[in-house]
Amino acid sequence: EMYPHIVREVLGVSEHFFLGCFTLELVLHTAVFGRAFLRSSWGSFDTAIVSAGVFDQWLLPIILGSGAQLDFVLAFRVLRLIRVARAVRLMSQFRVMWMLVRSLRGALVTLFWAVLLLIAVIYVFAIL
């Protein structure tokens, strides 16, 4: 076994939790934006990913039974790896924020050297 029993349980519970969050997000987006959201490319992409997750995690165990061997749907589960694209999409939407974070990181380096120089000047004047 690759993972201990408790790790599998935690991962299973977190999978259901996040799938519930994604489902709620999809329902809210649809309620707020209506059919325009479902017609957009990202809306249909999100709908397909969430639908695949709901089918795989919630409907398939009910249809086949909880003790059924679900190995034949492994190929279907591999398709759900596309969920990673959601995170990439969010990162591209926050491009301006990432530019600001990079600028602040660059400013921290300059600020560090300015503080170091100020400490050196204060030290020299403290000796005199």
N, C-alpha and C. Protein backbone atom coordinates (compact mmCIF):
# COMPACT_ATOMS: atom_id res chain seq x y z
N GLU A 1 0.83 -1.18 0.00
CA GLU A 1 0.00 0.00 0.00
C GLU A 1 0.87 1.24 0.00
N MET A 2 0.48 2.18 -0.83
CA MET A 2 1.26 3.39 -0.96
C MET A 2 1.01 4.36 0.20
N TYR A 3 -0.23 4.47 0.65
CA TYR A 3 -0.59 5.40 1.71
C TYR A 3 -1.19 4.63 2.88
N PRO A 4 -0.93 5.11 4.12
CA PRO A 4 -1.63 4.50 5.26
C PRO A 4 -3.13 4.76 5.18
N HIS A 5 -3.87 4.00 5.93
CA HIS A 5 -5.33 4.07 5.89
C HIS A 5 -5.83 5.48 6.22
N ILE A 6 -5.26 6.13 7.22
CA ILE A 6 -5.74 7.45 7.64
C ILE A 6 -5.52 8.50 6.56
N VAL A 7 -4.42 8.38 5.82
CA VAL A 7 -4.15 9.33 4.75
C VAL A 7 -5.18 9.17 3.63
N ARG A 8 -5.52 7.94 3.30
CA ARG A 8 -6.55 7.70 2.29
C ARG A 8 -7.89 8.26 2.74
N GLU A 9 -8.20 8.11 4.02
CA GLU A 9 -9.47 8.65 4.53
C GLU A 9 -9.49 10.17 4.42
N VAL A 10 -8.40 10.82 4.83
CA VAL A 10 -8.33 12.28 4.78
C VAL A 10 -8.43 12.76 3.34
N LEU A 11 -7.72 12.11 2.43
CA LEU A 11 -7.78 12.49 1.02
C LEU A 11 -9.18 12.27 0.45
N GLY A 12 -9.84 11.19 0.84
CA GLY A 12 -11.20 10.94 0.37
C GLY A 12 -12.18 12.00 0.85
N VAL A 13 -12.08 12.35 2.13
CA VAL A 13 -12.98 13.37 2.69
C VAL A 13 -12.70 14.72 2.04
N SER A 14 -11.43 15.05 1.86
CA SER A 14 -11.11 16.34 1.23
C SER A 14 -11.57 16.37 -0.22
N GLU A 15 -11.51 15.24 -0.92
CA GLU A 15 -12.01 15.18 -2.30
C GLU A 15 -13.50 15.49 -2.34
N HIS A 16 -14.26 14.90 -1.43
CA HIS A 16 -15.70 15.17 -1.39
C HIS A 16 -15.97 16.62 -1.00
N PHE A 17 -15.21 17.15 -0.05
CA PHE A 17 -15.39 18.53 0.39
C PHE A 17 -15.16 19.51 -0.77
N PHE A 18 -14.03 19.35 -1.46
CA PHE A 18 -13.72 20.28 -2.54
C PHE A 18 -14.66 20.11 -3.74
N LEU A 19 -15.09 18.89 -3.98
CA LEU A 19 -16.07 18.68 -5.04
C LEU A 19 -17.38 19.38 -4.69
N GLY A 20 -17.75 19.34 -3.41
CA GLY A 20 -18.93 20.08 -2.97
C GLY A 20 -18.76 21.58 -3.15
N CYS A 21 -17.57 22.08 -2.83
CA CYS A 21 -17.29 23.52 -3.02
C CYS A 21 -17.36 23.90 -4.50
N PHE A 22 -16.77 23.07 -5.37
CA PHE A 22 -16.81 23.35 -6.80
C PHE A 22 -18.23 23.28 -7.34
N THR A 23 -19.01 22.34 -6.84
CA THR A 23 -20.40 22.21 -7.26
C THR A 23 -21.19 23.44 -6.84
N LEU A 24 -20.98 23.88 -5.60
CA LEU A 24 -21.65 25.09 -5.11
C LEU A 24 -21.25 26.30 -5.94
N GLU A 25 -19.96 26.39 -6.27
CA GLU A 25 -19.49 27.50 -7.10
C GLU A 25 -20.17 27.48 -8.47
N LEU A 26 -20.27 26.31 -9.06
CA LEU A 26 -20.92 26.19 -10.37
C LEU A 26 -22.39 26.59 -10.29
N VAL A 27 -23.07 26.14 -9.25
CA VAL A 27 -24.49 26.49 -9.08
C VAL A 27 -24.65 28.00 -8.89
N LEU A 28 -23.78 28.61 -8.09
CA LEU A 28 -23.87 30.06 -7.87
C LEU A 28 -23.56 30.85 -9.14
N HIS A 29 -22.54 30.42 -9.87
CA HIS A 29 -22.23 31.09 -11.14
C HIS A 29 -23.41 31.01 -12.10
N THR A 30 -24.02 29.84 -12.16
CA THR A 30 -25.16 29.67 -13.05
C THR A 30 -26.35 30.50 -12.58
N ALA A 31 -26.54 30.58 -11.27
CA ALA A 31 -27.66 31.37 -10.74
C ALA A 31 -27.46 32.86 -11.00
N VAL A 32 -26.21 33.32 -10.89
CA VAL A 32 -25.95 34.75 -11.04
C VAL A 32 -25.90 35.15 -12.53
N PHE A 33 -25.16 34.39 -13.34
CA PHE A 33 -24.94 34.78 -14.73
C PHE A 33 -25.87 34.08 -15.72
N GLY A 34 -26.57 33.06 -15.26
CA GLY A 34 -27.54 32.38 -16.11
C GLY A 34 -26.90 31.62 -17.26
N ARG A 35 -27.61 31.59 -18.37
CA ARG A 35 -27.15 30.84 -19.54
C ARG A 35 -25.88 31.42 -20.14
N ALA A 36 -25.63 32.69 -19.90
CA ALA A 36 -24.41 33.31 -20.45
C ALA A 36 -23.17 32.63 -19.89
N PHE A 37 -23.22 32.24 -18.63
CA PHE A 37 -22.09 31.53 -18.03
C PHE A 37 -21.90 30.17 -18.68
N LEU A 38 -22.99 29.46 -18.90
CA LEU A 38 -22.90 28.12 -19.49
C LEU A 38 -22.48 28.17 -20.96
N ARG A 39 -22.75 29.27 -21.64
CA ARG A 39 -22.35 29.41 -23.04
C ARG A 39 -20.89 29.80 -23.19
N SER A 40 -20.31 30.39 -22.14
CA SER A 40 -18.90 30.79 -22.23
C SER A 40 -18.02 29.55 -22.23
N SER A 41 -16.83 29.69 -22.80
CA SER A 41 -15.94 28.53 -22.88
C SER A 41 -15.49 28.06 -21.50
N TRP A 42 -15.18 29.00 -20.61
CA TRP A 42 -14.76 28.59 -19.26
C TRP A 42 -15.93 28.02 -18.48
N GLY A 43 -17.12 28.53 -18.71
CA GLY A 43 -18.29 27.99 -18.03
C GLY A 43 -18.57 26.55 -18.43
N SER A 44 -18.49 26.28 -19.72
CA SER A 44 -18.70 24.90 -20.16
C SER A 44 -17.56 23.99 -19.71
N PHE A 45 -16.35 24.53 -19.67
CA PHE A 45 -15.20 23.77 -19.17
C PHE A 45 -15.40 23.41 -17.70
N ASP A 46 -15.78 24.40 -16.88
CA ASP A 46 -16.04 24.13 -15.46
C ASP A 46 -17.18 23.14 -15.28
N THR A 47 -18.22 23.28 -16.08
CA THR A 47 -19.36 22.37 -15.99
C THR A 47 -18.94 20.94 -16.30
N ALA A 48 -18.11 20.77 -17.32
CA ALA A 48 -17.66 19.42 -17.68
C ALA A 48 -16.80 18.82 -16.57
N ILE A 49 -15.91 19.61 -15.98
CA ILE A 49 -15.04 19.09 -14.93
C ILE A 49 -15.83 18.73 -13.69
N VAL A 50 -16.73 19.62 -13.27
CA VAL A 50 -17.53 19.34 -12.07
C VAL A 50 -18.47 18.17 -12.32
N SER A 51 -19.06 18.09 -13.51
CA SER A 51 -19.95 16.97 -13.83
C SER A 51 -19.20 15.65 -13.79
N ALA A 52 -17.97 15.64 -14.31
CA ALA A 52 -17.17 14.42 -14.27
C ALA A 52 -16.86 14.02 -12.83
N GLY A 53 -16.57 15.00 -11.99
CA GLY A 53 -16.30 14.71 -10.58
C GLY A 53 -17.53 14.19 -9.86
N VAL A 54 -18.67 14.81 -10.10
CA VAL A 54 -19.92 14.36 -9.46
C VAL A 54 -20.26 12.95 -9.92
N PHE A 55 -20.11 12.67 -11.21
CA PHE A 55 -20.40 11.34 -11.72
C PHE A 55 -19.46 10.31 -11.09
N ASP A 56 -18.18 10.64 -11.05
CA ASP A 56 -17.18 9.70 -10.56
C ASP A 56 -17.26 9.48 -9.05
N GLN A 57 -17.43 10.54 -8.28
CA GLN A 57 -17.37 10.42 -6.82
C GLN A 57 -18.71 10.12 -6.17
N TRP A 58 -19.79 10.62 -6.74
CA TRP A 58 -21.07 10.50 -6.05
C TRP A 58 -22.04 9.55 -6.75
N LEU A 59 -22.14 9.62 -8.07
CA LEU A 59 -23.15 8.81 -8.76
C LEU A 59 -22.69 7.39 -9.05
N LEU A 60 -21.44 7.23 -9.47
CA LEU A 60 -20.95 5.89 -9.82
C LEU A 60 -20.98 4.92 -8.64
N PRO A 61 -20.56 5.33 -7.43
CA PRO A 61 -20.68 4.40 -6.29
C PRO A 61 -22.12 4.03 -5.96
N ILE A 62 -23.07 4.94 -6.20
CA ILE A 62 -24.48 4.63 -5.95
C ILE A 62 -24.98 3.65 -6.99
N ILE A 63 -24.62 3.88 -8.25
CA ILE A 63 -25.09 3.02 -9.34
C ILE A 63 -24.50 1.62 -9.22
N LEU A 64 -23.19 1.53 -8.99
CA LEU A 64 -22.52 0.24 -8.97
C LEU A 64 -22.43 -0.39 -7.59
N GLY A 65 -22.78 0.37 -6.56
CA GLY A 65 -22.67 -0.13 -5.20
C GLY A 65 -21.32 0.27 -4.62
N SER A 66 -21.29 0.46 -3.32
CA SER A 66 -20.07 0.97 -2.68
C SER A 66 -18.95 -0.06 -2.68
N GLY A 67 -19.25 -1.34 -2.71
CA GLY A 67 -18.21 -2.36 -2.66
C GLY A 67 -17.77 -2.83 -4.04
N ALA A 68 -18.32 -2.24 -5.09
CA ALA A 68 -18.02 -2.69 -6.45
C ALA A 68 -16.60 -2.32 -6.84
N GLN A 69 -16.03 -3.12 -7.69
CA GLN A 69 -14.69 -2.87 -8.24
C GLN A 69 -14.81 -1.75 -9.27
N LEU A 70 -14.17 -0.62 -9.02
CA LEU A 70 -14.29 0.52 -9.91
C LEU A 70 -13.03 0.73 -10.73
N ASP A 71 -12.23 -0.32 -10.91
CA ASP A 71 -10.98 -0.17 -11.64
C ASP A 71 -11.20 0.14 -13.12
N PHE A 72 -12.31 -0.29 -13.68
CA PHE A 72 -12.53 -0.07 -15.10
C PHE A 72 -12.78 1.40 -15.43
N VAL A 73 -13.08 2.22 -14.43
CA VAL A 73 -13.31 3.64 -14.69
C VAL A 73 -12.06 4.47 -14.45
N LEU A 74 -10.91 3.81 -14.35
CA LEU A 74 -9.66 4.53 -14.13
C LEU A 74 -9.38 5.51 -15.26
N ALA A 75 -9.66 5.10 -16.49
CA ALA A 75 -9.44 6.00 -17.63
C ALA A 75 -10.32 7.24 -17.50
N PHE A 76 -11.53 7.08 -17.00
CA PHE A 76 -12.42 8.22 -16.78
C PHE A 76 -11.85 9.15 -15.72
N ARG A 77 -11.26 8.58 -14.68
CA ARG A 77 -10.68 9.39 -13.62
C ARG A 77 -9.45 10.15 -14.09
N VAL A 78 -8.73 9.59 -15.02
CA VAL A 78 -7.56 10.29 -15.55
C VAL A 78 -7.99 11.58 -16.25
N LEU A 79 -9.15 11.55 -16.89
CA LEU A 79 -9.65 12.75 -17.55
C LEU A 79 -9.90 13.88 -16.56
N ARG A 80 -10.16 13.52 -15.32
CA ARG A 80 -10.42 14.55 -14.31
C ARG A 80 -9.16 15.30 -13.92
N LEU A 81 -8.01 14.85 -14.38
CA LEU A 81 -6.78 15.59 -14.11
C LEU A 81 -6.81 16.97 -14.75
N ILE A 82 -7.74 17.16 -15.64
CA ILE A 82 -7.88 18.47 -16.29
C ILE A 82 -8.24 19.54 -15.25
N ARG A 83 -8.67 19.11 -14.07
CA ARG A 83 -8.99 20.08 -13.02
C ARG A 83 -7.82 21.00 -12.71
N VAL A 84 -6.62 20.53 -12.96
CA VAL A 84 -5.44 21.36 -12.72
C VAL A 84 -5.50 22.61 -13.58
N ALA A 85 -6.13 22.50 -14.73
CA ALA A 85 -6.25 23.66 -15.62
C ALA A 85 -7.05 24.78 -14.97
N ARG A 86 -7.92 24.45 -14.02
CA ARG A 86 -8.65 25.50 -13.30
C ARG A 86 -7.70 26.40 -12.54
N ALA A 87 -6.72 25.79 -11.88
CA ALA A 87 -5.75 26.58 -11.12
C ALA A 87 -4.92 27.46 -12.05
N VAL A 88 -4.54 26.91 -13.20
CA VAL A 88 -3.77 27.69 -14.16
C VAL A 88 -4.59 28.86 -14.67
N ARG A 89 -5.87 28.63 -14.88
CA ARG A 89 -6.76 29.71 -15.34
C ARG A 89 -6.82 30.82 -14.30
N LEU A 90 -6.93 30.45 -13.03
CA LEU A 90 -6.98 31.46 -11.97
C LEU A 90 -5.69 32.24 -11.90
N MET A 91 -4.57 31.56 -12.11
CA MET A 91 -3.29 32.26 -12.08
C MET A 91 -3.20 33.27 -13.22
N SER A 92 -3.72 32.93 -14.39
CA SER A 92 -3.65 33.86 -15.51
C SER A 92 -4.57 35.05 -15.29
N GLN A 93 -5.67 34.86 -14.57
CA GLN A 93 -6.57 35.97 -14.31
C GLN A 93 -5.97 36.97 -13.33
N PHE A 94 -5.04 36.52 -12.48
CA PHE A 94 -4.44 37.39 -11.49
C PHE A 94 -3.05 37.84 -11.93
N ARG A 95 -2.88 38.05 -13.23
CA ARG A 95 -1.59 38.46 -13.76
C ARG A 95 -1.14 39.79 -13.17
N VAL A 96 -2.06 40.73 -13.03
CA VAL A 96 -1.71 42.05 -12.48
C VAL A 96 -1.27 41.90 -11.02
N MET A 97 -1.97 41.03 -10.28
CA MET A 97 -1.59 40.81 -8.89
C MET A 97 -0.19 40.21 -8.80
N TRP A 98 0.12 39.24 -9.67
CA TRP A 98 1.45 38.64 -9.65
C TRP A 98 2.52 39.67 -10.02
N MET A 99 2.20 40.61 -10.91
CA MET A 99 3.15 41.67 -11.24
C MET A 99 3.40 42.54 -10.02
N LEU A 100 2.36 42.82 -9.26
CA LEU A 100 2.50 43.61 -8.04
C LEU A 100 3.34 42.86 -7.00
N VAL A 101 3.10 41.56 -6.85
CA VAL A 101 3.88 40.76 -5.89
C VAL A 101 5.35 40.74 -6.29
N ARG A 102 5.63 40.56 -7.58
CA ARG A 102 7.03 40.57 -8.04
C ARG A 102 7.68 41.92 -7.79
N SER A 103 6.94 42.99 -8.00
CA SER A 103 7.48 44.34 -7.75
C SER A 103 7.78 44.54 -6.28
N LEU A 104 6.87 44.08 -5.42
CA LEU A 104 7.11 44.20 -3.98
C LEU A 104 8.32 43.37 -3.55
N ARG A 105 8.48 42.19 -4.13
CA ARG A 105 9.64 41.37 -3.81
C ARG A 105 10.93 42.07 -4.22
N GLY A 106 10.93 42.69 -5.39
CA GLY A 106 12.10 43.45 -5.84
C GLY A 106 12.35 44.65 -4.94
N ALA A 107 11.27 45.29 -4.48
CA ALA A 107 11.42 46.44 -3.59
C ALA A 107 11.97 46.02 -2.23
N LEU A 108 11.63 44.81 -1.77
CA LEU A 108 12.15 44.35 -0.49
C LEU A 108 13.66 44.19 -0.52
N VAL A 109 14.21 43.76 -1.62
CA VAL A 109 15.67 43.63 -1.75
C VAL A 109 16.30 45.01 -1.63
N THR A 110 15.76 45.99 -2.34
CA THR A 110 16.27 47.36 -2.26
C THR A 110 16.10 47.92 -0.86
N LEU A 111 14.97 47.67 -0.25
CA LEU A 111 14.72 48.15 1.11
C LEU A 111 15.70 47.52 2.11
N PHE A 112 16.02 46.25 1.94
CA PHE A 112 16.99 45.58 2.81
C PHE A 112 18.34 46.29 2.75
N TRP A 113 18.83 46.58 1.54
CA TRP A 113 20.12 47.24 1.42
C TRP A 113 20.07 48.67 1.95
N ALA A 114 18.95 49.36 1.79
CA ALA A 114 18.81 50.72 2.33
C ALA A 114 18.85 50.70 3.86
N VAL A 115 18.18 49.74 4.46
CA VAL A 115 18.20 49.61 5.93
C VAL A 115 19.60 49.26 6.41
N LEU A 116 20.29 48.38 5.70
CA LEU A 116 21.66 48.02 6.07
C LEU A 116 22.58 49.23 6.00
N LEU A 117 22.44 50.04 4.95
CA LEU A 117 23.24 51.26 4.83
C LEU A 117 22.91 52.25 5.94
N LEU A 118 21.63 52.38 6.28
CA LEU A 118 21.21 53.27 7.36
C LEU A 118 21.78 52.81 8.70
N ILE A 119 21.78 51.53 8.96
CA ILE A 119 22.36 51.00 10.19
C ILE A 119 23.86 51.30 10.24
N ALA A 120 24.54 51.15 9.11
CA ALA A 120 25.98 51.45 9.07
C ALA A 120 26.23 52.93 9.35
N VAL A 121 25.43 53.81 8.77
CA VAL A 121 25.60 55.26 9.01
C VAL A 121 25.33 55.59 10.46
N ILE A 122 24.29 55.04 11.04
CA ILE A 122 23.97 55.28 12.46
C ILE A 122 25.11 54.75 13.33
N TYR A 123 25.67 53.60 13.00
CA TYR A 123 26.76 53.03 13.77
C TYR A 123 28.00 53.94 13.72
N VAL A 124 28.31 54.46 12.52
CA VAL A 124 29.49 55.32 12.39
C VAL A 124 29.29 56.59 13.20
N PHE A 125 28.11 57.21 13.14
CA PHE A 125 27.87 58.43 13.91
C PHE A 125 27.78 58.15 15.42
N ALA A 126 27.40 56.94 15.79
CA ALA A 126 27.34 56.60 17.22
C ALA A 126 28.75 56.49 17.80
N ILE A 127 29.71 56.03 17.00
CA ILE A 127 31.09 55.92 17.46
C ILE A 127 31.71 57.31 17.60
N LEU A 128 31.42 58.23 16.70
CA LEU A 128 31.99 59.57 16.73
C LEU A 128 31.38 60.30 17.86
